[in-house]
């Protein structure tokens, strides 16, 4: 079996730099720490992306809610205008009937 790239790189750098054999375990521990930090950063990045997508969806939901509210207000206003016209027509007819009674 050939040595892994990490083990091979550590052995080469130790040999080339004239480092003692005790530096190899330190390099291994350092590599493990770096891999752990990389995993933590990648998990944090993934979580951040998920949060951003959730916030974007919530923003779209709020926009849709605001649009629905505006449509509801417009319908209520339209209903009120129509109701006012019906009431005005009824008042006018009632007034005309009342005038005809006096004539």
C-alpha atoms as a PDB file:
ATOM      1  CA  UNK A   1       0.000   0.000   0.000  1.00  0.00           C
ATOM      2  CA  UNK A   2       1.298   3.437  -0.889  1.00  0.00           C
ATOM      3  CA  UNK A   3       1.347   6.151   1.764  1.00  0.00           C
ATOM      4  CA  UNK A   4      -1.529   8.646   1.743  1.00  0.00           C
ATOM      5  CA  UNK A   5      -0.839  12.112   0.274  1.00  0.00           C
ATOM      6  CA  UNK A   6      -1.042  13.656   3.761  1.00  0.00           C
ATOM      7  CA  UNK A   7       1.422  11.173   5.269  1.00  0.00           C
ATOM      8  CA  UNK A   8       3.646  11.391   2.229  1.00  0.00           C
ATOM      9  CA  UNK A   9       3.611  15.206   2.271  1.00  0.00           C
ATOM     10  CA  UNK A  10       4.443  15.299   5.969  1.00  0.00           C
ATOM     11  CA  UNK A  11       7.284  12.815   5.533  1.00  0.00           C
ATOM     12  CA  UNK A  12       8.681  14.766   2.594  1.00  0.00           C
ATOM     13  CA  UNK A  13       8.508  18.112   4.313  1.00  0.00           C
ATOM     14  CA  UNK A  14      10.112  16.662   7.423  1.00  0.00           C
ATOM     15  CA  UNK A  15      12.916  15.126   5.441  1.00  0.00           C
ATOM     16  CA  UNK A  16      13.459  18.149   3.234  1.00  0.00           C
ATOM     17  CA  UNK A  17      13.391  20.613   6.112  1.00  0.00           C
ATOM     18  CA  UNK A  18      15.661  18.543   8.304  1.00  0.00           C
ATOM     19  CA  UNK A  19      12.910  18.356  10.960  1.00  0.00           C
ATOM     20  CA  UNK A  20      13.021  15.711  13.619  1.00  0.00           C
ATOM     21  CA  UNK A  21      10.765  12.657  13.572  1.00  0.00           C
ATOM     22  CA  UNK A  22       8.710  14.169  16.392  1.00  0.00           C
ATOM     23  CA  UNK A  23       7.318  16.838  14.047  1.00  0.00           C
ATOM     24  CA  UNK A  24       5.382  14.210  12.060  1.00  0.00           C
ATOM     25  CA  UNK A  25       2.731  13.671  14.800  1.00  0.00           C
ATOM     26  CA  UNK A  26       2.367  17.457  15.133  1.00  0.00           C
ATOM     27  CA  UNK A  27       1.779  17.741  11.400  1.00  0.00           C
ATOM     28  CA  UNK A  28      -0.792  14.945  11.595  1.00  0.00           C
ATOM     29  CA  UNK A  29      -2.636  16.672  14.458  1.00  0.00           C
ATOM     30  CA  UNK A  30      -2.471  19.969  12.564  1.00  0.00           C
ATOM     31  CA  UNK A  31      -3.934  18.264   9.472  1.00  0.00           C
ATOM     32  CA  UNK A  32      -6.784  16.773  11.552  1.00  0.00           C
ATOM     33  CA  UNK A  33      -7.502  20.223  13.034  1.00  0.00           C
ATOM     34  CA  UNK A  34      -7.518  21.791   9.588  1.00  0.00           C
ATOM     35  CA  UNK A  35      -9.880  19.120   8.243  1.00  0.00           C
ATOM     36  CA  UNK A  36     -12.183  19.610  11.244  1.00  0.00           C
ATOM     37  CA  UNK A  37     -12.195  23.380  10.750  1.00  0.00           C
ATOM     38  CA  UNK A  38     -12.894  22.933   7.057  1.00  0.00           C
ATOM     39  CA  UNK A  39     -15.871  20.680   7.843  1.00  0.00           C
ATOM     40  CA  UNK A  40     -17.191  23.218  10.367  1.00  0.00           C
ATOM     41  CA  UNK A  41     -16.870  26.010   7.811  1.00  0.00           C
ATOM     42  CA  UNK A  42     -18.576  23.944   5.109  1.00  0.00           C
ATOM     43  CA  UNK A  43     -21.444  23.086   7.500  1.00  0.00           C
ATOM     44  CA  UNK A  44     -21.781  26.758   8.465  1.00  0.00           C
ATOM     45  CA  UNK A  45     -21.826  27.738   4.791  1.00  0.00           C
ATOM     46  CA  UNK A  46     -24.524  25.168   4.068  1.00  0.00           C
ATOM     47  CA  UNK A  47     -26.591  26.387   7.025  1.00  0.00           C
ATOM     48  CA  UNK A  48     -26.182  29.976   5.855  1.00  0.00           C
ATOM     49  CA  UNK A  49     -27.383  29.061   2.377  1.00  0.00           C
ATOM     50  CA  UNK A  50     -30.419  27.264   3.808  1.00  0.00           C
ATOM     51  CA  UNK A  51     -31.203  30.267   5.995  1.00  0.00           C
ATOM     52  CA  UNK A  52     -30.880  32.622   3.033  1.00  0.00           C
ATOM     53  CA  UNK A  53     -33.264  30.465   0.986  1.00  0.00           C
ATOM     54  CA  UNK A  54     -35.757  30.331   3.873  1.00  0.00           C
ATOM     55  CA  UNK A  55     -35.592  34.109   4.299  1.00  0.00           C
ATOM     56  CA  UNK A  56     -36.084  34.647   0.570  1.00  0.00           C
ATOM     57  CA  UNK A  57     -39.140  32.368   0.644  1.00  0.00           C
ATOM     58  CA  UNK A  58     -40.517  34.219   3.678  1.00  0.00           C
ATOM     59  CA  UNK A  59     -40.012  37.510   1.842  1.00  0.00           C
ATOM     60  CA  UNK A  60     -41.978  36.169  -1.124  1.00  0.00           C
ATOM     61  CA  UNK A  61     -44.723  34.967   1.227  1.00  0.00           C
ATOM     62  CA  UNK A  62     -44.936  38.411   2.840  1.00  0.00           C
ATOM     63  CA  UNK A  63     -45.078  40.073  -0.579  1.00  0.00           C
ATOM     64  CA  UNK A  64     -47.917  37.736  -1.566  1.00  0.00           C
ATOM     65  CA  UNK A  65     -49.731  38.474   1.710  1.00  0.00           C
ATOM     66  CA  UNK A  66     -49.404  42.209   1.084  1.00  0.00           C
ATOM     67  CA  UNK A  67     -50.739  41.783  -2.450  1.00  0.00           C
ATOM     68  CA  UNK A  68     -53.686  39.723  -1.141  1.00  0.00           C
ATOM     69  CA  UNK A  69     -54.413  42.381   1.493  1.00  0.00           C
ATOM     70  CA  UNK A  70     -54.397  45.099  -1.161  1.00  0.00           C
ATOM     71  CA  UNK A  71     -56.831  43.073  -3.279  1.00  0.00           C
ATOM     72  CA  UNK A  72     -59.107  42.560  -0.253  1.00  0.00           C
ATOM     73  CA  UNK A  73     -59.083  46.294   0.513  1.00  0.00           C
ATOM     74  CA  UNK A  74     -59.934  47.078  -3.113  1.00  0.00           C
ATOM     75  CA  UNK A  75     -62.841  44.607  -3.027  1.00  0.00           C
ATOM     76  CA  UNK A  76     -64.170  46.079   0.224  1.00  0.00           C
ATOM     77  CA  UNK A  77     -63.898  49.587  -1.185  1.00  0.00           C
ATOM     78  CA  UNK A  78     -65.689  48.498  -4.365  1.00  0.00           C
ATOM     79  CA  UNK A  79     -68.405  46.865  -2.242  1.00  0.00           C
ATOM     80  CA  UNK A  80     -68.798  50.056  -0.192  1.00  0.00           C
ATOM     81  CA  UNK A  81     -69.116  52.194  -3.323  1.00  0.00           C
ATOM     82  CA  UNK A  82     -71.771  49.872  -4.736  1.00  0.00           C
ATOM     83  CA  UNK A  83     -73.620  49.806  -1.411  1.00  0.00           C
ATOM     84  CA  UNK A  84     -73.610  53.632  -1.318  1.00  0.00           C
ATOM     85  CA  UNK A  85     -75.049  53.747  -4.851  1.00  0.00           C
ATOM     86  CA  UNK A  86     -77.788  51.261  -3.927  1.00  0.00           C
ATOM     87  CA  UNK A  87     -78.646  53.260  -0.805  1.00  0.00           C
ATOM     88  CA  UNK A  88     -78.713  56.521  -2.778  1.00  0.00           C
ATOM     89  CA  UNK A  89     -80.999  54.948  -5.379  1.00  0.00           C
ATOM     90  CA  UNK A  90     -83.288  53.616  -2.643  1.00  0.00           C
ATOM     91  CA  UNK A  91     -83.409  57.042  -0.972  1.00  0.00           C
ATOM     92  CA  UNK A  92     -84.204  58.730  -4.269  1.00  0.00           C
ATOM     93  CA  UNK A  93     -87.002  56.276  -4.995  1.00  0.00           C
ATOM     94  CA  UNK A  94     -88.395  56.642  -1.499  1.00  0.00           C
ATOM     95  CA  UNK A  95     -88.277  60.430  -1.891  1.00  0.00           C
ATOM     96  CA  UNK A  96     -90.062  60.214  -5.258  1.00  0.00           C
ATOM     97  CA  UNK A  97     -92.783  58.020  -3.743  1.00  0.00           C
ATOM     98  CA  UNK A  98     -93.184  60.424  -0.846  1.00  0.00           C
ATOM     99  CA  UNK A  99     -93.488  63.416  -3.229  1.00  0.00           C
ATOM    100  CA  UNK A 100     -96.047  61.566  -5.350  1.00  0.00           C
ATOM    101  CA  UNK A 101     -98.147  60.932  -2.258  1.00  0.00           C
ATOM    102  CA  UNK A 102     -98.308  64.674  -1.556  1.00  0.00           C
ATOM    103  CA  UNK A 103     -99.314  65.546  -5.100  1.00  0.00           C
END
